[in-house]
């Protein structure tokens, strides 16, 4: 009983873990939906990168990777960060996240995804704006299949004005690449033929 009371007391007095979360989608509502996103084979979609946090939390430095658990389904390009001159004036980010690796990373250079700078304003979350857009990235649908796309902390992690933030969360998203021009299999043709014959017989009987 004493142990239970102590545990409950610690829950009350322990400070809440402040964290930030990054998620991706066609827009904010889509990014927050957490559902699967269908892409058509051979097309490219511009997805928005969003970050949420506690009210009044200020993110001053950020290092992230973009990971895919199934290599070759989608690829990334044309990464554009918002407000580089004010948020991240010492930005070291490349303008393009490209390339695949044997480990399934879309990006396998954490430094290339570093926005890190304590000199800028960073991003601050408010009650009115609990989520802030970081930028956009183009995702190409290269092969039919599904993959989970998610962010992970880079080499420098996520930092506020006092240092690293623990409990950093990432928003995963399942991307499904569909071939809308796929030719039906022979079995599908057979089924269509059977339906056509049945329709023809019915039509002749009505006459």
N, C-alpha and C. Protein backbone atom coordinates (compact mmCIF):
# COMPACT_ATOMS: atom_id res chain seq x y z
N UNK A 1 0.84 -1.21 0.00
CA UNK A 1 0.00 0.00 0.00
C UNK A 1 0.87 1.26 0.00
N UNK A 2 1.94 1.21 0.82
CA UNK A 2 2.85 2.35 0.87
C UNK A 2 3.52 2.57 -0.48
N UNK A 3 3.86 1.44 -1.13
CA UNK A 3 4.50 1.54 -2.45
C UNK A 3 3.57 2.20 -3.45
N UNK A 4 2.30 1.81 -3.47
CA UNK A 4 1.31 2.39 -4.38
C UNK A 4 1.13 3.87 -4.10
N UNK A 5 1.05 4.24 -2.81
CA UNK A 5 0.89 5.65 -2.45
C UNK A 5 2.09 6.48 -2.92
N UNK A 6 3.29 5.92 -2.77
CA UNK A 6 4.51 6.62 -3.20
C UNK A 6 4.51 6.81 -4.71
N UNK A 7 4.09 5.78 -5.44
CA UNK A 7 4.06 5.86 -6.90
C UNK A 7 3.08 6.92 -7.37
N UNK A 8 1.89 6.96 -6.74
CA UNK A 8 0.89 7.96 -7.11
C UNK A 8 1.38 9.36 -6.78
N UNK A 9 2.07 9.51 -5.64
CA UNK A 9 2.60 10.81 -5.24
C UNK A 9 3.63 11.30 -6.25
N UNK A 10 4.47 10.39 -6.72
CA UNK A 10 5.50 10.75 -7.70
C UNK A 10 4.87 11.18 -9.01
N UNK A 11 3.77 10.55 -9.37
CA UNK A 11 3.08 10.93 -10.60
C UNK A 11 2.57 12.35 -10.52
N UNK A 12 2.12 12.75 -9.33
CA UNK A 12 1.57 14.08 -9.15
C UNK A 12 2.66 15.14 -9.16
N UNK A 13 3.78 14.87 -8.48
CA UNK A 13 4.79 15.91 -8.32
C UNK A 13 5.84 15.88 -9.43
N UNK A 14 5.91 14.78 -10.19
CA UNK A 14 6.93 14.69 -11.25
C UNK A 14 6.56 15.65 -12.38
N UNK A 15 7.53 16.40 -12.88
CA UNK A 15 7.24 17.33 -13.98
C UNK A 15 6.91 16.57 -15.26
N UNK A 16 6.01 17.14 -16.05
CA UNK A 16 5.64 16.51 -17.31
C UNK A 16 6.82 16.55 -18.28
N UNK A 17 6.98 15.49 -19.05
CA UNK A 17 8.05 15.44 -20.04
C UNK A 17 7.68 16.33 -21.22
N UNK A 18 8.49 17.32 -21.47
CA UNK A 18 8.24 18.21 -22.60
C UNK A 18 8.86 17.59 -23.83
N UNK A 19 8.10 17.48 -24.88
CA UNK A 19 8.63 16.86 -26.08
C UNK A 19 8.13 17.58 -27.32
N UNK A 20 8.73 17.23 -28.42
CA UNK A 20 8.30 17.76 -29.71
C UNK A 20 7.99 16.58 -30.61
N UNK A 21 7.09 16.77 -31.55
CA UNK A 21 6.75 15.70 -32.48
C UNK A 21 6.76 16.23 -33.90
N UNK A 22 7.31 15.46 -34.80
CA UNK A 22 7.36 15.82 -36.21
C UNK A 22 6.49 14.85 -36.99
N UNK A 23 5.67 15.38 -37.91
CA UNK A 23 4.83 14.53 -38.72
C UNK A 23 4.74 15.09 -40.13
N UNK A 24 4.22 14.30 -41.06
CA UNK A 24 4.29 14.64 -42.47
C UNK A 24 2.97 14.32 -43.17
N UNK A 25 2.56 15.16 -44.14
CA UNK A 25 1.32 14.92 -44.86
C UNK A 25 1.09 15.97 -45.92
N UNK A 26 -0.03 15.85 -46.62
CA UNK A 26 -0.36 16.79 -47.69
C UNK A 26 -0.64 18.18 -47.14
N UNK A 27 -1.19 18.23 -45.92
CA UNK A 27 -1.43 19.49 -45.22
C UNK A 27 -1.51 19.14 -43.73
N UNK A 28 -1.79 20.13 -42.89
CA UNK A 28 -1.79 19.89 -41.45
C UNK A 28 -2.83 18.86 -41.04
N UNK A 29 -4.06 19.00 -41.54
CA UNK A 29 -5.12 18.07 -41.17
C UNK A 29 -4.77 16.65 -41.61
N UNK A 30 -4.23 16.52 -42.81
CA UNK A 30 -3.84 15.21 -43.32
C UNK A 30 -2.69 14.63 -42.50
N UNK A 31 -1.71 15.48 -42.18
CA UNK A 31 -0.56 15.01 -41.41
C UNK A 31 -0.97 14.51 -40.03
N UNK A 32 -1.96 15.15 -39.43
CA UNK A 32 -2.40 14.77 -38.08
C UNK A 32 -3.36 13.59 -38.09
N UNK A 33 -3.82 13.20 -39.27
CA UNK A 33 -4.80 12.12 -39.33
C UNK A 33 -4.19 10.78 -38.97
N UNK A 34 -2.89 10.62 -39.27
CA UNK A 34 -2.21 9.39 -38.92
C UNK A 34 -2.63 8.18 -39.74
N UNK A 35 -3.40 8.40 -40.81
CA UNK A 35 -3.86 7.29 -41.63
C UNK A 35 -2.92 7.06 -42.80
N UNK A 36 -3.21 6.02 -43.57
CA UNK A 36 -2.39 5.71 -44.73
C UNK A 36 -2.60 6.76 -45.82
N UNK A 37 -1.57 6.95 -46.63
CA UNK A 37 -1.64 7.91 -47.73
C UNK A 37 -1.32 7.17 -49.02
N UNK A 38 -2.26 7.23 -49.97
CA UNK A 38 -2.08 6.54 -51.25
C UNK A 38 -1.45 7.46 -52.28
N UNK A 39 -0.43 6.95 -52.99
CA UNK A 39 0.24 7.69 -54.05
C UNK A 39 0.16 6.86 -55.33
N UNK A 40 0.06 7.53 -56.45
CA UNK A 40 0.02 6.84 -57.73
C UNK A 40 1.42 6.61 -58.27
N UNK A 41 1.67 5.41 -58.78
CA UNK A 41 2.97 5.05 -59.31
C UNK A 41 3.46 6.05 -60.36
N UNK A 42 4.72 6.45 -60.23
CA UNK A 42 5.31 7.35 -61.21
C UNK A 42 5.01 8.82 -60.99
N UNK A 43 4.32 9.15 -59.92
CA UNK A 43 3.99 10.55 -59.64
C UNK A 43 4.83 11.07 -58.48
N UNK A 44 4.79 12.36 -58.27
CA UNK A 44 5.49 12.98 -57.15
C UNK A 44 4.52 13.89 -56.41
N UNK A 45 4.53 13.80 -55.10
CA UNK A 45 3.64 14.62 -54.27
C UNK A 45 4.46 15.47 -53.32
N UNK A 46 4.04 16.71 -53.15
CA UNK A 46 4.70 17.60 -52.19
C UNK A 46 4.04 17.44 -50.84
N UNK A 47 4.80 16.96 -49.86
CA UNK A 47 4.29 16.76 -48.52
C UNK A 47 4.83 17.85 -47.60
N UNK A 48 4.02 18.24 -46.64
CA UNK A 48 4.43 19.26 -45.68
C UNK A 48 4.98 18.61 -44.42
N UNK A 49 6.01 19.23 -43.85
CA UNK A 49 6.63 18.74 -42.62
C UNK A 49 6.19 19.65 -41.48
N UNK A 50 5.54 19.08 -40.47
CA UNK A 50 5.01 19.85 -39.36
C UNK A 50 5.63 19.40 -38.05
N UNK A 51 5.65 20.29 -37.09
CA UNK A 51 6.18 19.98 -35.77
C UNK A 51 5.23 20.53 -34.72
N UNK A 52 4.96 19.75 -33.69
CA UNK A 52 4.10 20.21 -32.60
C UNK A 52 4.85 20.10 -31.28
N UNK A 53 4.40 20.87 -30.30
CA UNK A 53 5.04 20.85 -28.99
C UNK A 53 4.15 21.47 -27.95
N UNK A 54 4.66 21.57 -26.74
CA UNK A 54 3.89 22.15 -25.64
C UNK A 54 3.78 23.67 -25.83
N UNK A 55 2.73 24.25 -25.28
CA UNK A 55 2.52 25.70 -25.37
C UNK A 55 3.72 26.44 -24.78
N UNK A 56 4.21 27.41 -25.51
CA UNK A 56 5.35 28.25 -25.15
C UNK A 56 6.70 27.54 -25.27
N UNK A 57 6.68 26.29 -25.72
CA UNK A 57 7.95 25.60 -25.94
C UNK A 57 8.63 26.18 -27.18
N UNK A 58 9.94 26.40 -27.07
CA UNK A 58 10.71 26.98 -28.17
C UNK A 58 11.80 26.00 -28.61
N UNK A 59 11.76 25.59 -29.87
CA UNK A 59 12.77 24.70 -30.42
C UNK A 59 13.84 25.54 -31.11
N UNK A 60 15.06 25.45 -30.63
CA UNK A 60 16.11 26.32 -31.14
C UNK A 60 17.12 25.60 -32.05
N UNK A 61 17.16 24.30 -31.98
CA UNK A 61 18.07 23.54 -32.83
C UNK A 61 17.45 22.17 -33.11
N UNK A 62 17.68 21.67 -34.30
CA UNK A 62 16.98 20.46 -34.73
C UNK A 62 17.82 19.66 -35.70
N UNK A 63 17.90 18.37 -35.47
CA UNK A 63 18.61 17.47 -36.38
C UNK A 63 17.76 16.22 -36.56
N UNK A 64 17.36 15.94 -37.79
CA UNK A 64 16.43 14.84 -38.03
C UNK A 64 16.85 14.01 -39.24
N UNK A 65 16.44 12.75 -39.23
CA UNK A 65 16.58 11.86 -40.38
C UNK A 65 15.19 11.48 -40.86
N UNK A 66 15.06 11.16 -42.12
CA UNK A 66 13.81 10.66 -42.67
C UNK A 66 14.06 9.20 -43.06
N UNK A 67 13.30 8.29 -42.45
CA UNK A 67 13.56 6.86 -42.62
C UNK A 67 12.42 6.16 -43.34
N UNK A 68 12.77 5.16 -44.13
CA UNK A 68 11.79 4.31 -44.78
C UNK A 68 12.11 2.87 -44.45
N UNK A 69 11.10 2.08 -44.06
CA UNK A 69 11.40 0.70 -43.66
C UNK A 69 11.34 -0.28 -44.83
N UNK A 70 11.06 0.20 -46.02
CA UNK A 70 11.01 -0.66 -47.21
C UNK A 70 11.69 0.07 -48.36
N UNK A 71 12.90 -0.29 -48.66
CA UNK A 71 13.71 0.44 -49.63
C UNK A 71 13.11 0.36 -51.04
N UNK A 72 13.13 1.50 -51.73
CA UNK A 72 12.77 1.54 -53.15
C UNK A 72 11.33 1.85 -53.46
N UNK A 73 10.45 1.87 -52.46
CA UNK A 73 9.04 2.17 -52.73
C UNK A 73 8.87 3.65 -53.05
N UNK A 74 9.41 4.52 -52.21
CA UNK A 74 9.36 5.96 -52.45
C UNK A 74 10.76 6.55 -52.30
N UNK A 75 10.94 7.73 -52.84
CA UNK A 75 12.19 8.46 -52.67
C UNK A 75 11.87 9.93 -52.42
N UNK A 76 12.86 10.68 -52.00
CA UNK A 76 12.61 12.08 -51.61
C UNK A 76 13.53 13.02 -52.36
N UNK A 77 13.05 14.24 -52.53
CA UNK A 77 13.84 15.28 -53.19
C UNK A 77 13.28 16.65 -52.84
N UNK A 78 14.01 17.69 -53.21
CA UNK A 78 13.53 19.06 -53.12
C UNK A 78 13.04 19.43 -51.72
N UNK A 79 13.90 19.22 -50.74
CA UNK A 79 13.58 19.64 -49.38
C UNK A 79 13.71 21.15 -49.26
N UNK A 80 12.66 21.81 -48.78
CA UNK A 80 12.67 23.26 -48.60
C UNK A 80 12.25 23.59 -47.18
N UNK A 81 13.11 24.28 -46.44
CA UNK A 81 12.77 24.70 -45.08
C UNK A 81 12.18 26.11 -45.09
N UNK A 82 11.19 26.32 -44.25
CA UNK A 82 10.56 27.64 -44.15
C UNK A 82 11.41 28.59 -43.30
N UNK A 83 11.42 29.85 -43.69
CA UNK A 83 12.00 30.94 -42.89
C UNK A 83 13.42 30.65 -42.40
N UNK A 84 14.28 30.28 -43.34
CA UNK A 84 15.67 29.96 -42.96
C UNK A 84 16.40 31.16 -42.37
N UNK A 85 16.13 32.35 -42.85
CA UNK A 85 16.90 33.52 -42.41
C UNK A 85 16.59 33.92 -40.98
N UNK A 86 15.38 33.58 -40.48
CA UNK A 86 15.02 33.97 -39.11
C UNK A 86 15.03 32.79 -38.15
N UNK A 87 14.52 31.66 -38.60
CA UNK A 87 14.46 30.51 -37.70
C UNK A 87 15.82 29.85 -37.51
N UNK A 88 16.51 29.63 -38.60
CA UNK A 88 17.76 28.86 -38.57
C UNK A 88 18.84 29.58 -39.38
N UNK A 89 19.29 30.75 -38.98
CA UNK A 89 20.20 31.54 -39.80
C UNK A 89 21.57 30.89 -40.03
N UNK A 90 21.95 29.95 -39.19
CA UNK A 90 23.21 29.24 -39.40
C UNK A 90 22.94 27.85 -39.93
N UNK A 91 21.86 27.74 -40.70
CA UNK A 91 21.41 26.47 -41.25
C UNK A 91 22.51 25.75 -42.02
N UNK A 92 22.67 24.47 -41.72
CA UNK A 92 23.63 23.65 -42.44
C UNK A 92 22.96 22.62 -43.34
N UNK A 93 21.66 22.77 -43.54
CA UNK A 93 20.92 21.76 -44.28
C UNK A 93 21.20 21.82 -45.76
N UNK A 94 21.22 20.66 -46.38
CA UNK A 94 21.32 20.61 -47.84
C UNK A 94 19.94 20.93 -48.40
N UNK A 95 19.88 21.23 -49.68
CA UNK A 95 18.61 21.58 -50.30
C UNK A 95 17.90 20.34 -50.84
N UNK A 96 18.48 19.18 -50.65
CA UNK A 96 17.93 18.00 -51.29
C UNK A 96 18.18 16.76 -50.44
N UNK A 97 17.13 16.07 -50.07
CA UNK A 97 17.27 14.78 -49.42
C UNK A 97 17.11 13.72 -50.49
N UNK A 98 18.17 13.07 -50.88
CA UNK A 98 18.07 12.06 -51.94
C UNK A 98 18.86 10.82 -51.58
N UNK A 99 18.65 9.77 -52.34
CA UNK A 99 19.46 8.57 -52.21
C UNK A 99 18.87 7.51 -51.31
N UNK A 100 19.19 6.28 -51.62
CA UNK A 100 18.76 5.14 -50.83
C UNK A 100 19.99 4.46 -50.26
N UNK A 101 19.82 3.71 -49.21
CA UNK A 101 20.93 2.94 -48.66
C UNK A 101 20.47 1.53 -48.36
N UNK A 102 21.42 0.66 -48.13
CA UNK A 102 21.09 -0.74 -47.87
C UNK A 102 20.30 -0.91 -46.59
N UNK A 103 20.38 0.06 -45.70
CA UNK A 103 19.67 -0.04 -44.42
C UNK A 103 18.25 0.48 -44.50
N UNK A 104 17.84 1.00 -45.64
CA UNK A 104 16.48 1.47 -45.80
C UNK A 104 16.28 2.93 -45.47
N UNK A 105 17.35 3.67 -45.29
CA UNK A 105 17.22 5.09 -45.00
C UNK A 105 17.03 5.88 -46.29
N UNK A 106 16.06 6.78 -46.28
CA UNK A 106 15.97 7.72 -47.40
C UNK A 106 17.08 8.75 -47.25
N UNK A 107 17.34 9.12 -46.02
CA UNK A 107 18.41 10.06 -45.73
C UNK A 107 19.36 9.36 -44.79
N UNK A 108 20.61 9.26 -45.17
CA UNK A 108 21.45 8.61 -44.22
C UNK A 108 22.62 9.44 -43.80
N UNK A 109 22.44 10.75 -43.89
CA UNK A 109 23.43 11.69 -43.39
C UNK A 109 22.72 12.67 -42.47
N UNK A 110 22.85 12.46 -41.17
CA UNK A 110 22.10 13.29 -40.21
C UNK A 110 22.49 14.75 -40.32
N UNK A 111 23.75 15.02 -40.61
CA UNK A 111 24.20 16.41 -40.71
C UNK A 111 23.46 17.13 -41.84
N UNK A 112 23.14 16.41 -42.90
CA UNK A 112 22.43 17.02 -44.01
C UNK A 112 21.03 17.45 -43.65
N UNK A 113 20.50 16.94 -42.55
CA UNK A 113 19.15 17.30 -42.13
C UNK A 113 19.19 18.16 -40.87
N UNK A 114 20.30 18.82 -40.65
CA UNK A 114 20.45 19.63 -39.45
C UNK A 114 20.02 21.07 -39.68
N UNK A 115 19.08 21.53 -38.88
CA UNK A 115 18.66 22.93 -38.92
C UNK A 115 19.36 23.70 -37.81
N UNK A 116 20.27 23.03 -37.12
CA UNK A 116 20.76 23.52 -35.85
C UNK A 116 21.32 24.92 -35.81
N UNK A 117 20.77 25.74 -34.96
CA UNK A 117 21.29 27.08 -34.70
C UNK A 117 20.59 27.66 -33.49
N UNK A 118 21.37 28.07 -32.49
CA UNK A 118 20.80 28.73 -31.32
C UNK A 118 20.72 30.24 -31.54
N UNK A 119 21.20 30.69 -32.71
CA UNK A 119 21.22 32.13 -32.97
C UNK A 119 19.89 32.63 -33.51
N UNK A 120 19.08 31.73 -34.06
CA UNK A 120 17.83 32.16 -34.65
C UNK A 120 16.67 32.13 -33.67
N UNK A 121 15.51 32.42 -34.16
CA UNK A 121 14.31 32.43 -33.31
C UNK A 121 13.77 31.03 -33.11
N UNK A 122 14.14 30.09 -34.00
CA UNK A 122 13.59 28.75 -33.91
C UNK A 122 12.10 28.76 -34.15
N UNK A 123 11.40 27.80 -33.56
CA UNK A 123 9.94 27.76 -33.65
C UNK A 123 9.37 27.73 -32.24
N UNK A 124 8.29 28.48 -32.02
CA UNK A 124 7.63 28.53 -30.71
C UNK A 124 6.17 28.13 -30.88
N UNK A 125 5.72 27.23 -30.03
CA UNK A 125 4.34 26.75 -30.09
C UNK A 125 3.48 27.56 -29.13
N UNK A 126 2.29 27.91 -29.59
CA UNK A 126 1.36 28.69 -28.79
C UNK A 126 0.02 27.97 -28.73
N UNK A 127 -0.87 28.44 -27.89
CA UNK A 127 -2.20 27.85 -27.81
C UNK A 127 -2.93 27.99 -29.14
N UNK A 128 -2.69 29.10 -29.82
CA UNK A 128 -3.32 29.34 -31.11
C UNK A 128 -2.65 28.55 -32.23
N UNK A 129 -1.35 28.29 -32.08
CA UNK A 129 -0.60 27.56 -33.10
C UNK A 129 0.22 26.45 -32.45
N UNK A 130 -0.45 25.36 -32.07
CA UNK A 130 0.26 24.26 -31.42
C UNK A 130 1.14 23.46 -32.37
N UNK A 131 0.96 23.70 -33.67
CA UNK A 131 1.78 23.04 -34.68
C UNK A 131 2.33 24.09 -35.63
N UNK A 132 3.59 23.93 -36.01
CA UNK A 132 4.27 24.89 -36.90
C UNK A 132 4.86 24.13 -38.08
N UNK A 133 4.66 24.67 -39.28
CA UNK A 133 5.23 24.01 -40.46
C UNK A 133 6.72 24.28 -40.55
N UNK A 134 7.51 23.22 -40.74
CA UNK A 134 8.96 23.37 -40.90
C UNK A 134 9.35 23.57 -42.35
N UNK A 135 8.57 22.99 -43.26
CA UNK A 135 8.91 23.10 -44.68
C UNK A 135 8.18 22.05 -45.49
N UNK A 136 8.71 21.75 -46.67
CA UNK A 136 8.08 20.78 -47.57
C UNK A 136 9.14 19.85 -48.14
N UNK A 137 8.68 18.71 -48.62
CA UNK A 137 9.56 17.76 -49.28
C UNK A 137 8.76 17.02 -50.35
N UNK A 138 9.37 16.77 -51.50
CA UNK A 138 8.71 16.03 -52.57
C UNK A 138 9.00 14.54 -52.40
N UNK A 139 7.94 13.74 -52.48
CA UNK A 139 8.07 12.29 -52.38
C UNK A 139 7.62 11.68 -53.70
N UNK A 140 8.53 10.92 -54.33
CA UNK A 140 8.19 10.26 -55.59
C UNK A 140 7.77 8.82 -55.32
N UNK A 141 6.75 8.37 -56.05
CA UNK A 141 6.26 7.00 -55.92
C UNK A 141 6.93 6.15 -56.99
N UNK A 142 7.92 5.37 -56.59
CA UNK A 142 8.78 4.69 -57.56
C UNK A 142 8.40 3.24 -57.84
N UNK A 143 7.87 2.53 -56.85
CA UNK A 143 7.57 1.11 -57.01
C UNK A 143 6.28 0.77 -56.27
N UNK A 144 5.48 -0.10 -56.86
CA UNK A 144 4.24 -0.51 -56.20
C UNK A 144 4.56 -1.21 -54.89
N UNK A 145 3.87 -0.82 -53.84
CA UNK A 145 4.09 -1.42 -52.53
C UNK A 145 3.78 -0.43 -51.42
N UNK A 146 4.14 -0.78 -50.20
CA UNK A 146 3.89 0.07 -49.04
C UNK A 146 5.15 0.22 -48.21
N UNK A 147 5.30 1.38 -47.62
CA UNK A 147 6.43 1.61 -46.72
C UNK A 147 6.02 2.59 -45.63
N UNK A 148 6.60 2.45 -44.47
CA UNK A 148 6.35 3.39 -43.40
C UNK A 148 7.43 4.46 -43.42
N UNK A 149 7.02 5.69 -43.51
CA UNK A 149 7.94 6.82 -43.57
C UNK A 149 7.89 7.54 -42.23
N UNK A 150 9.04 7.74 -41.60
CA UNK A 150 9.04 8.35 -40.28
C UNK A 150 10.32 9.13 -40.05
N UNK A 151 10.27 10.06 -39.13
CA UNK A 151 11.44 10.83 -38.73
C UNK A 151 12.10 10.18 -37.52
N UNK A 152 13.40 10.37 -37.42
CA UNK A 152 14.12 9.97 -36.21
C UNK A 152 15.10 11.08 -35.87
N UNK A 153 15.46 11.20 -34.60
CA UNK A 153 16.41 12.25 -34.21
C UNK A 153 17.76 12.05 -34.90
N UNK A 154 18.34 13.13 -35.39
CA UNK A 154 19.66 13.07 -36.00
C UNK A 154 20.75 13.11 -34.95
N UNK A 155 21.97 13.33 -35.40
CA UNK A 155 23.12 13.27 -34.50
C UNK A 155 23.08 14.33 -33.40
N UNK A 156 22.42 15.47 -33.68
CA UNK A 156 22.36 16.55 -32.68
C UNK A 156 21.03 16.61 -31.93
N UNK A 157 20.10 15.74 -32.29
CA UNK A 157 18.82 15.69 -31.58
C UNK A 157 17.97 16.94 -31.74
N UNK A 158 17.07 17.11 -30.79
CA UNK A 158 16.18 18.26 -30.76
C UNK A 158 16.48 19.06 -29.49
N UNK A 159 16.64 20.37 -29.63
CA UNK A 159 17.07 21.20 -28.50
C UNK A 159 16.19 22.42 -28.32
N UNK A 160 15.97 22.78 -27.05
CA UNK A 160 15.38 24.08 -26.77
C UNK A 160 16.52 24.99 -26.29
N UNK A 161 16.20 26.14 -25.69
CA UNK A 161 17.23 27.09 -25.30
C UNK A 161 18.15 26.56 -24.21
N UNK A 162 17.71 25.53 -23.49
CA UNK A 162 18.51 25.00 -22.39
C UNK A 162 19.30 23.75 -22.76
N UNK A 163 18.99 23.17 -23.92
CA UNK A 163 19.70 21.96 -24.31
C UNK A 163 18.77 20.92 -24.92
N UNK A 164 19.22 19.66 -24.91
CA UNK A 164 18.47 18.59 -25.55
C UNK A 164 17.13 18.31 -24.89
N UNK A 165 16.15 17.92 -25.72
CA UNK A 165 14.81 17.58 -25.26
C UNK A 165 14.66 16.07 -25.22
N UNK A 166 14.24 15.54 -24.07
CA UNK A 166 14.02 14.11 -23.97
C UNK A 166 12.59 13.78 -24.36
N UNK A 167 12.37 12.53 -24.70
CA UNK A 167 11.02 12.11 -25.06
C UNK A 167 10.60 12.58 -26.44
N UNK A 168 11.57 12.84 -27.31
CA UNK A 168 11.26 13.29 -28.67
C UNK A 168 10.47 12.20 -29.39
N UNK A 169 9.36 12.57 -29.99
CA UNK A 169 8.50 11.62 -30.68
C UNK A 169 8.52 11.87 -32.18
N UNK A 170 8.31 10.81 -32.93
CA UNK A 170 8.26 10.95 -34.39
C UNK A 170 6.92 10.47 -34.90
N UNK A 171 6.49 11.07 -35.98
CA UNK A 171 5.22 10.69 -36.58
C UNK A 171 5.43 9.82 -37.80
N UNK A 172 5.10 8.55 -37.68
CA UNK A 172 5.22 7.65 -38.82
C UNK A 172 4.01 7.75 -39.73
N UNK A 173 4.20 7.42 -40.98
CA UNK A 173 3.11 7.50 -41.96
C UNK A 173 3.28 6.36 -42.96
N UNK A 174 2.23 5.60 -43.18
CA UNK A 174 2.28 4.53 -44.15
C UNK A 174 1.91 5.06 -45.53
N UNK A 175 2.85 4.93 -46.48
CA UNK A 175 2.60 5.38 -47.86
C UNK A 175 2.39 4.15 -48.74
N UNK A 176 1.28 4.14 -49.46
CA UNK A 176 0.97 3.04 -50.37
C UNK A 176 1.08 3.53 -51.81
N UNK A 177 1.92 2.89 -52.60
CA UNK A 177 2.07 3.26 -54.02
C UNK A 177 1.21 2.31 -54.84
N UNK A 178 0.28 2.89 -55.59
CA UNK A 178 -0.67 2.11 -56.38
C UNK A 178 -0.44 2.32 -57.86
N UNK A 179 -0.62 1.26 -58.65
CA UNK A 179 -0.52 1.37 -60.11
C UNK A 179 -1.94 1.40 -60.67
N UNK A 180 -2.42 2.58 -60.96
CA UNK A 180 -3.81 2.73 -61.42
C UNK A 180 -3.99 2.28 -62.86
N UNK A 181 -2.88 2.03 -63.57
CA UNK A 181 -2.97 1.60 -64.97
C UNK A 181 -2.64 0.12 -65.12
N UNK A 182 -2.61 -0.60 -64.01
CA UNK A 182 -2.24 -2.02 -64.06
C UNK A 182 -3.18 -2.80 -64.95
N UNK A 183 -2.63 -3.69 -65.77
CA UNK A 183 -3.42 -4.53 -66.67
C UNK A 183 -4.00 -5.69 -65.86
N UNK A 184 -5.30 -5.98 -66.01
CA UNK A 184 -5.89 -7.08 -65.25
C UNK A 184 -5.20 -8.41 -65.53
N UNK A 185 -5.13 -9.28 -64.53
CA UNK A 185 -4.54 -10.60 -64.71
C UNK A 185 -5.47 -11.46 -65.56
N UNK A 186 -4.92 -12.57 -66.16
CA UNK A 186 -5.76 -13.46 -66.98
C UNK A 186 -7.01 -13.91 -66.27
N UNK A 187 -6.93 -14.18 -64.98
CA UNK A 187 -8.11 -14.61 -64.23
C UNK A 187 -9.17 -13.51 -64.21
N UNK A 188 -8.71 -12.24 -64.19
CA UNK A 188 -9.64 -11.11 -64.21
C UNK A 188 -10.34 -11.03 -65.56
N UNK A 189 -9.57 -11.27 -66.65
CA UNK A 189 -10.17 -11.28 -67.98
C UNK A 189 -11.23 -12.36 -68.10
N UNK A 190 -10.93 -13.55 -67.50
CA UNK A 190 -11.88 -14.66 -67.55
C UNK A 190 -13.17 -14.28 -66.83
N UNK A 191 -13.03 -13.63 -65.69
CA UNK A 191 -14.21 -13.22 -64.92
C UNK A 191 -15.03 -12.19 -65.70
N UNK A 192 -14.33 -11.26 -66.35
CA UNK A 192 -15.03 -10.26 -67.16
C UNK A 192 -15.76 -10.91 -68.32
N UNK A 193 -15.11 -11.93 -68.93
CA UNK A 193 -15.71 -12.63 -70.05
C UNK A 193 -16.97 -13.37 -69.62
N UNK A 194 -16.92 -13.98 -68.45
CA UNK A 194 -18.09 -14.70 -67.93
C UNK A 194 -19.26 -13.76 -67.71
N UNK A 195 -18.96 -12.59 -67.15
CA UNK A 195 -20.01 -11.59 -66.93
C UNK A 195 -20.62 -11.12 -68.24
N UNK A 196 -19.74 -10.93 -69.24
CA UNK A 196 -20.22 -10.47 -70.54
C UNK A 196 -21.13 -11.50 -71.20
N UNK A 197 -20.75 -12.79 -71.12
CA UNK A 197 -21.56 -13.85 -71.70
C UNK A 197 -22.91 -13.94 -70.98
N UNK A 198 -22.89 -13.82 -69.66
CA UNK A 198 -24.14 -13.89 -68.90
C UNK A 198 -25.06 -12.75 -69.31
N UNK A 199 -24.48 -11.57 -69.50
CA UNK A 199 -25.28 -10.43 -69.92
C UNK A 199 -25.88 -10.63 -71.30
N UNK A 200 -25.10 -11.26 -72.20
CA UNK A 200 -25.57 -11.50 -73.57
C UNK A 200 -26.72 -12.50 -73.58
N UNK A 201 -26.58 -13.57 -72.77
CA UNK A 201 -27.63 -14.59 -72.69
C UNK A 201 -28.91 -13.98 -72.14
N UNK A 202 -28.79 -13.17 -71.09
CA UNK A 202 -29.97 -12.52 -70.49
C UNK A 202 -30.66 -11.62 -71.49
N UNK A 203 -29.87 -10.91 -72.29
CA UNK A 203 -30.43 -9.99 -73.27
C UNK A 203 -31.19 -10.74 -74.35
N UNK A 204 -30.66 -11.91 -74.78
CA UNK A 204 -31.33 -12.69 -75.83
C UNK A 204 -32.64 -13.29 -75.33
N UNK A 205 -32.64 -13.71 -74.03
CA UNK A 205 -33.85 -14.28 -73.47
C UNK A 205 -34.97 -13.25 -73.40
N UNK A 206 -34.60 -12.00 -73.09
CA UNK A 206 -35.61 -10.93 -73.01
C UNK A 206 -36.25 -10.66 -74.37
N UNK A 207 -35.47 -10.89 -75.43
CA UNK A 207 -36.02 -10.66 -76.77
C UNK A 207 -37.04 -11.75 -77.12
